[in-house]
N, C-alpha and C. Protein backbone atom coordinates (compact mmCIF):
# COMPACT_ATOMS: atom_id res chain seq x y z
N MET A 1 19.75 -16.33 11.84
CA MET A 1 18.68 -15.66 12.09
C MET A 1 17.79 -14.95 11.69
N LYS A 2 16.63 -15.05 10.76
CA LYS A 2 15.22 -14.78 10.95
C LYS A 2 15.12 -13.82 12.26
N LYS A 3 15.36 -12.10 11.42
CA LYS A 3 14.89 -10.95 12.26
C LYS A 3 13.70 -10.83 12.10
N THR A 4 12.43 -11.12 13.21
CA THR A 4 11.19 -10.25 12.18
C THR A 4 10.77 -8.68 12.35
N PHE A 5 10.66 -8.20 11.46
CA PHE A 5 10.15 -6.94 11.30
C PHE A 5 9.66 -5.80 12.42
N VAL A 6 8.27 -6.31 13.76
CA VAL A 6 8.61 -5.90 15.21
C VAL A 6 9.57 -7.17 16.23
N ASN A 7 8.64 -6.41 17.17
CA ASN A 7 9.16 -7.33 18.43
C ASN A 7 7.81 -7.13 19.31
N LEU A 8 7.87 -7.79 19.83
CA LEU A 8 7.26 -8.16 21.08
C LEU A 8 6.03 -7.09 21.65
N GLU A 9 7.56 -6.19 22.28
CA GLU A 9 6.53 -4.53 22.61
C GLU A 9 5.61 -3.98 21.88
N GLN A 10 5.71 -4.12 20.54
CA GLN A 10 5.99 -3.51 19.53
C GLN A 10 4.20 -4.14 19.53
N LEU A 11 4.59 -5.10 19.94
CA LEU A 11 2.83 -6.23 19.15
C LEU A 11 2.27 -5.59 20.19
N GLN A 12 2.76 -5.51 21.94
CA GLN A 12 1.97 -5.52 22.49
C GLN A 12 1.34 -4.45 22.57
N GLU A 13 2.22 -3.44 21.92
CA GLU A 13 1.42 -1.72 22.18
C GLU A 13 0.75 -1.58 20.53
N ILE A 14 0.80 -2.54 19.75
CA ILE A 14 -0.51 -2.20 18.13
C ILE A 14 -1.12 -3.05 18.72
N THR A 15 -1.46 -4.31 19.38
CA THR A 15 -2.89 -4.63 20.20
C THR A 15 -3.83 -4.07 21.38
N GLN A 16 -2.62 -3.12 21.32
CA GLN A 16 -3.50 -1.80 22.67
C GLN A 16 -4.57 -0.60 22.23
N LYS A 17 -3.72 -0.42 20.93
CA LYS A 17 -4.81 0.98 19.75
C LYS A 17 -6.39 -0.05 19.70
N HIS A 18 -5.27 -1.57 18.96
CA HIS A 18 -6.09 -1.86 17.58
C HIS A 18 -6.65 -3.37 17.85
N PRO A 19 -8.34 -3.55 18.37
CA PRO A 19 -8.18 -6.07 18.87
C PRO A 19 -8.15 -5.92 17.51
N THR A 20 -7.51 -7.87 18.09
CA THR A 20 -7.87 -8.28 17.45
C THR A 20 -8.76 -9.19 17.64
N PRO A 21 -9.17 -9.87 15.28
CA PRO A 21 -7.31 -9.67 15.00
C PRO A 21 -7.65 -9.34 14.33
N PHE A 22 -6.42 -8.75 13.37
CA PHE A 22 -5.82 -8.46 12.68
C PHE A 22 -4.51 -8.43 11.63
N HIS A 23 -4.57 -8.21 10.18
CA HIS A 23 -2.77 -7.86 9.71
C HIS A 23 -1.98 -8.03 9.35
N LEU A 24 -1.19 -7.98 10.40
CA LEU A 24 0.04 -6.92 10.14
C LEU A 24 1.20 -7.28 8.98
N TYR A 25 1.59 -6.32 8.00
CA TYR A 25 2.11 -6.59 6.48
C TYR A 25 3.35 -5.44 6.72
N ASP A 26 4.45 -5.88 5.81
CA ASP A 26 5.96 -5.41 6.99
C ASP A 26 6.52 -4.76 4.61
N GLU A 27 5.70 -3.99 5.00
CA GLU A 27 5.98 -2.54 3.79
C GLU A 27 7.16 -2.65 2.93
N LYS A 28 8.31 -2.35 3.99
CA LYS A 28 9.76 -2.08 3.11
C LYS A 28 9.79 -3.91 2.80
N GLY A 29 9.75 -5.15 4.24
CA GLY A 29 9.73 -6.51 2.98
C GLY A 29 8.89 -7.06 2.20
N ILE A 30 8.53 -6.74 2.13
CA ILE A 30 7.31 -6.58 0.61
C ILE A 30 8.26 -5.70 -0.37
N ARG A 31 8.31 -4.30 -0.75
CA ARG A 31 9.16 -3.83 -1.41
C ARG A 31 10.33 -4.48 -1.77
N GLU A 32 11.28 -4.90 -0.33
CA GLU A 32 12.59 -5.56 -1.02
C GLU A 32 11.91 -6.39 -1.74
N ASN A 33 12.01 -7.80 -1.79
CA ASN A 33 11.42 -9.16 -1.69
C ASN A 33 10.83 -8.54 -3.72
N ALA A 34 10.06 -7.92 -3.59
CA ALA A 34 10.05 -6.89 -4.60
C ALA A 34 10.39 -7.11 -6.02
N ARG A 35 12.01 -6.54 -5.47
CA ARG A 35 12.97 -6.02 -5.82
C ARG A 35 13.19 -6.52 -6.43
N ARG A 36 13.81 -7.83 -5.24
CA ARG A 36 14.85 -8.82 -6.54
C ARG A 36 15.03 -9.61 -6.67
N LEU A 37 13.13 -9.82 -5.78
CA LEU A 37 12.79 -10.77 -7.02
C LEU A 37 13.44 -10.22 -9.11
N LYS A 38 13.04 -8.81 -9.16
CA LYS A 38 13.10 -8.27 -9.97
C LYS A 38 14.79 -7.98 -10.74
N LYS A 39 15.33 -8.12 -9.85
CA LYS A 39 16.15 -7.55 -10.05
C LYS A 39 16.80 -9.17 -10.20
N ALA A 40 16.64 -10.75 -9.74
CA ALA A 40 16.94 -12.05 -10.61
C ALA A 40 16.90 -11.43 -11.31
N PHE A 41 15.91 -11.23 -12.05
CA PHE A 41 15.60 -11.67 -14.04
C PHE A 41 16.45 -10.71 -14.42
N GLU A 42 16.62 -9.79 -14.12
CA GLU A 42 16.61 -8.42 -14.71
C GLU A 42 16.95 -8.62 -16.15
N TRP A 43 18.50 -10.16 -16.30
CA TRP A 43 18.77 -10.83 -17.73
C TRP A 43 18.05 -10.64 -18.62
N ASN A 44 16.48 -10.76 -18.27
CA ASN A 44 15.66 -11.53 -19.35
C ASN A 44 13.81 -10.08 -19.33
N LYS A 45 14.60 -9.74 -20.06
CA LYS A 45 13.74 -7.75 -20.46
C LYS A 45 12.51 -7.78 -20.20
N GLY A 46 11.68 -9.40 -20.99
CA GLY A 46 10.21 -9.49 -20.89
C GLY A 46 10.05 -9.91 -19.45
N PHE A 47 10.80 -9.62 -18.32
CA PHE A 47 9.79 -10.61 -17.76
C PHE A 47 8.89 -9.07 -16.61
N LYS A 48 7.61 -10.11 -16.52
CA LYS A 48 7.01 -9.23 -15.95
C LYS A 48 6.77 -10.05 -13.67
N GLU A 49 5.89 -9.53 -12.66
CA GLU A 49 5.58 -10.49 -12.15
C GLU A 49 4.75 -10.25 -11.67
N TYR A 50 3.67 -11.31 -12.11
CA TYR A 50 2.43 -10.98 -10.90
C TYR A 50 1.30 -11.70 -10.62
N PHE A 51 0.96 -10.87 -9.55
CA PHE A 51 0.86 -10.72 -8.29
C PHE A 51 -0.41 -12.18 -8.13
N ALA A 52 -1.27 -12.68 -7.52
CA ALA A 52 -1.97 -13.97 -7.96
C ALA A 52 -2.82 -13.06 -6.20
N VAL A 53 -3.28 -11.87 -7.11
CA VAL A 53 -4.26 -12.26 -6.30
C VAL A 53 -5.38 -11.89 -4.78
N LYS A 54 -5.94 -13.71 -6.32
CA LYS A 54 -6.55 -14.26 -4.51
C LYS A 54 -5.54 -14.85 -3.42
N ALA A 55 -4.46 -14.92 -3.84
CA ALA A 55 -3.89 -15.13 -2.52
C ALA A 55 -3.47 -13.70 -1.81
N THR A 56 -3.98 -13.04 -1.22
CA THR A 56 -4.68 -11.64 -1.32
C THR A 56 -4.98 -10.39 -1.07
N PRO A 57 -6.21 -10.88 -1.03
CA PRO A 57 -6.63 -9.63 -1.90
C PRO A 57 -7.17 -7.89 -1.51
N ASN A 58 -6.02 -7.24 -1.81
CA ASN A 58 -5.71 -6.47 0.11
C ASN A 58 -5.09 -5.09 -0.56
N PRO A 59 -6.32 -4.70 -1.37
CA PRO A 59 -5.93 -3.50 -2.27
C PRO A 59 -4.46 -2.42 -2.17
N THR A 60 -3.87 -2.46 0.08
CA THR A 60 -3.24 -1.44 -0.29
C THR A 60 -1.30 -1.99 -0.42
N ILE A 61 -1.63 -3.74 -0.52
CA ILE A 61 -0.63 -4.64 -0.23
C ILE A 61 -0.59 -4.08 -2.19
N MET A 62 -1.58 -4.39 -2.46
CA MET A 62 -1.53 -5.00 -4.63
C MET A 62 -0.97 -3.36 -4.35
N ASN A 63 -0.91 -2.43 -4.11
CA ASN A 63 -0.36 -0.97 -4.96
C ASN A 63 0.41 -0.90 -4.44
N ILE A 64 1.38 -0.85 -2.84
CA ILE A 64 2.05 -1.38 -3.35
C ILE A 64 3.03 -2.11 -4.10
N LEU A 65 2.75 -3.50 -4.23
CA LEU A 65 3.41 -4.19 -5.16
C LEU A 65 3.48 -3.33 -7.08
N ARG A 66 2.60 -2.30 -7.44
CA ARG A 66 1.67 -1.89 -8.37
C ARG A 66 3.83 -1.23 -9.09
N GLU A 67 3.58 -0.36 -7.27
CA GLU A 67 4.65 0.71 -7.31
C GLU A 67 6.02 0.14 -7.51
N GLU A 68 6.00 -0.96 -6.91
CA GLU A 68 7.02 -1.37 -7.67
C GLU A 68 7.15 -2.31 -9.20
N GLY A 69 6.34 -2.59 -9.82
CA GLY A 69 6.04 -2.65 -11.14
C GLY A 69 5.84 -4.23 -11.72
N CYS A 70 5.44 -4.54 -10.64
CA CYS A 70 4.72 -6.11 -10.29
C CYS A 70 2.91 -5.73 -10.82
N GLY A 71 2.49 -6.23 -11.72
CA GLY A 71 1.38 -6.48 -12.27
C GLY A 71 0.38 -8.29 -11.12
N VAL A 72 -0.28 -7.73 -12.19
CA VAL A 72 -1.93 -7.90 -11.27
C VAL A 72 -2.46 -10.32 -12.37
N ASP A 73 -3.11 -10.93 -11.00
CA ASP A 73 -3.00 -11.79 -11.70
C ASP A 73 -4.66 -12.47 -10.91
N CYS A 74 -5.67 -12.48 -12.00
CA CYS A 74 -6.51 -12.54 -11.45
C CYS A 74 -7.46 -13.56 -12.32
N SER A 75 -7.86 -14.34 -11.05
CA SER A 75 -8.78 -15.78 -11.53
C SER A 75 -10.45 -14.92 -11.59
N SER A 76 -11.08 -13.77 -11.56
CA SER A 76 -12.15 -13.74 -10.82
C SER A 76 -13.08 -12.36 -11.79
N LEU A 77 -14.34 -12.40 -11.83
CA LEU A 77 -14.45 -10.73 -11.91
C LEU A 77 -14.23 -9.97 -10.84
N THR A 78 -14.76 -10.39 -10.05
CA THR A 78 -13.94 -9.33 -8.09
C THR A 78 -12.60 -9.15 -8.52
N GLU A 79 -12.07 -9.81 -9.03
CA GLU A 79 -10.32 -9.35 -8.28
C GLU A 79 -9.68 -9.16 -10.13
N LEU A 80 -10.66 -8.57 -10.98
CA LEU A 80 -10.93 -7.91 -12.70
C LEU A 80 -11.34 -6.14 -12.14
N MET A 81 -12.62 -5.95 -10.83
CA MET A 81 -12.82 -4.77 -10.79
C MET A 81 -11.83 -4.01 -9.65
N LEU A 82 -11.14 -5.41 -8.55
CA LEU A 82 -10.63 -4.38 -7.78
C LEU A 82 -9.34 -4.04 -8.08
N SER A 83 -8.46 -5.33 -9.38
CA SER A 83 -7.71 -4.58 -9.44
C SER A 83 -7.97 -2.99 -10.61
N GLU A 84 -8.36 -2.93 -11.26
CA GLU A 84 -9.29 -1.88 -11.53
C GLU A 84 -9.12 -0.98 -11.07
N ALA A 85 -9.46 -1.26 -9.62
CA ALA A 85 -10.15 0.32 -8.35
C ALA A 85 -8.72 0.12 -8.34
N VAL A 86 -7.33 -0.85 -7.92
CA VAL A 86 -6.17 -0.10 -7.44
C VAL A 86 -5.44 0.41 -8.47
N GLY A 87 -5.78 0.59 -9.64
CA GLY A 87 -5.38 1.70 -11.07
C GLY A 87 -4.47 0.06 -11.60
N PHE A 88 -4.71 -1.31 -11.48
CA PHE A 88 -4.03 -1.43 -13.26
C PHE A 88 -4.93 -1.42 -14.46
N ALA A 89 -3.89 -2.07 -15.01
CA ALA A 89 -4.62 -1.85 -16.37
C ALA A 89 -3.96 -2.87 -17.60
N GLY A 90 -4.51 -3.12 -18.79
CA GLY A 90 -4.24 -3.33 -19.61
C GLY A 90 -3.14 -5.17 -20.18
N HIS A 91 -1.79 -4.45 -19.59
CA HIS A 91 -0.66 -5.19 -19.76
C HIS A 91 -0.37 -5.59 -18.63
N GLU A 92 -1.48 -5.12 -17.45
CA GLU A 92 -0.42 -5.31 -15.94
C GLU A 92 -1.37 -6.22 -15.61
N ILE A 93 -2.41 -7.12 -15.82
CA ILE A 93 -2.90 -7.78 -15.28
C ILE A 93 -2.90 -8.82 -16.63
N MET A 94 -3.01 -9.90 -15.43
CA MET A 94 -2.90 -11.13 -16.06
C MET A 94 -4.44 -12.01 -15.85
N PHE A 95 -5.13 -12.81 -16.75
CA PHE A 95 -6.34 -12.88 -16.66
C PHE A 95 -6.20 -14.47 -16.90
N SER A 96 -5.95 -15.85 -14.96
CA SER A 96 -6.45 -16.28 -15.73
C SER A 96 -6.41 -17.89 -14.34
N SER A 97 -8.44 -18.12 -15.57
CA SER A 97 -8.94 -17.63 -14.88
C SER A 97 -9.75 -19.07 -15.91
N ASN A 98 -10.20 -20.47 -14.71
CA ASN A 98 -11.39 -21.72 -14.96
C ASN A 98 -12.63 -21.27 -15.05
N VAL A 99 -13.39 -22.55 -15.92
CA VAL A 99 -14.95 -22.97 -15.72
C VAL A 99 -14.79 -20.39 -15.63
N THR A 100 -14.84 -19.95 -15.72
CA THR A 100 -15.08 -18.40 -16.26
C THR A 100 -16.66 -18.89 -16.83
N PRO A 101 -17.52 -17.49 -16.44
CA PRO A 101 -18.50 -17.46 -17.78
C PRO A 101 -18.50 -16.42 -18.40
N VAL A 102 -19.15 -16.47 -19.05
CA VAL A 102 -19.21 -15.47 -20.59
C VAL A 102 -18.58 -13.80 -19.46
N GLU A 103 -20.15 -13.22 -18.87
CA GLU A 103 -19.91 -12.49 -18.60
C GLU A 103 -18.61 -11.59 -17.83
N ASP A 104 -17.85 -12.60 -17.46
CA ASP A 104 -16.53 -12.32 -16.57
C ASP A 104 -15.82 -11.85 -17.96
N PHE A 105 -15.66 -13.08 -19.44
CA PHE A 105 -14.72 -12.47 -19.82
C PHE A 105 -15.06 -11.14 -20.61
N LYS A 106 -16.83 -10.57 -21.11
CA LYS A 106 -17.67 -9.38 -21.50
C LYS A 106 -16.78 -8.66 -20.49
N TYR A 107 -16.71 -8.56 -19.44
CA TYR A 107 -16.88 -6.71 -18.74
C TYR A 107 -15.02 -6.71 -18.82
N ALA A 108 -14.13 -8.25 -17.89
CA ALA A 108 -12.47 -8.19 -19.30
C ALA A 108 -12.37 -7.46 -19.89
N LYS A 109 -12.86 -7.68 -21.53
CA LYS A 109 -12.93 -7.57 -22.81
C LYS A 109 -12.08 -5.29 -22.66
N LYS A 110 -14.12 -5.11 -22.06
CA LYS A 110 -14.21 -3.75 -22.20
C LYS A 110 -13.15 -2.62 -21.65
N TRP A 111 -11.96 -2.74 -20.49
CA TRP A 111 -10.77 -2.49 -20.40
C TRP A 111 -9.82 -3.31 -21.19
N MET A 112 -10.10 -4.34 -20.31
CA MET A 112 -8.65 -4.71 -21.38
C MET A 112 -8.51 -5.19 -23.02
N PRO A 113 -8.32 -4.18 -23.85
CA PRO A 113 -8.22 -4.24 -25.25
C PRO A 113 -7.61 -5.43 -25.70
N LEU A 114 -6.40 -5.63 -25.03
CA LEU A 114 -6.25 -6.73 -25.69
C LEU A 114 -5.58 -7.66 -24.83
N LEU A 115 -6.70 -8.18 -24.25
CA LEU A 115 -7.09 -10.11 -24.58
C LEU A 115 -8.56 -10.17 -25.59
N THR A 116 -8.50 -11.67 -25.88
CA THR A 116 -9.08 -11.98 -26.50
C THR A 116 -10.20 -13.32 -26.47
N LEU A 117 -10.72 -12.90 -26.12
CA LEU A 117 -11.89 -13.50 -26.08
C LEU A 117 -12.71 -14.70 -27.14
N MET A 118 -12.56 -16.41 -26.96
CA MET A 118 -12.76 -16.84 -27.43
C MET A 118 -14.09 -17.67 -27.21
N ILE A 119 -15.50 -17.75 -27.14
CA ILE A 119 -16.67 -17.93 -26.64
C ILE A 119 -17.16 -18.10 -27.75
């Protein structure tokens, strides 16, 4: 049986202090899962997990994952800018974008020197 990281009493206490809606994240669980994933692929020395920023564009979550050795997968200029602000750079960023404006690639090229532009 899966156990949640908070109980009903804790949730009731939280909602008394913080109005809803809000998101509640399990930092310990996020870190444990990132470590388990990394361990599962430790046989592959070139493996690096890239978190899709569009899934949860939350700087705190992104920073936790950066601390655990993950990179980020960005698909827009906004995601690139957010990732840069959080502290990701160079090889820590994958830019997988569709129908991308030239300006986005030019921005990415400024601070991702290894990025090859085909425009």
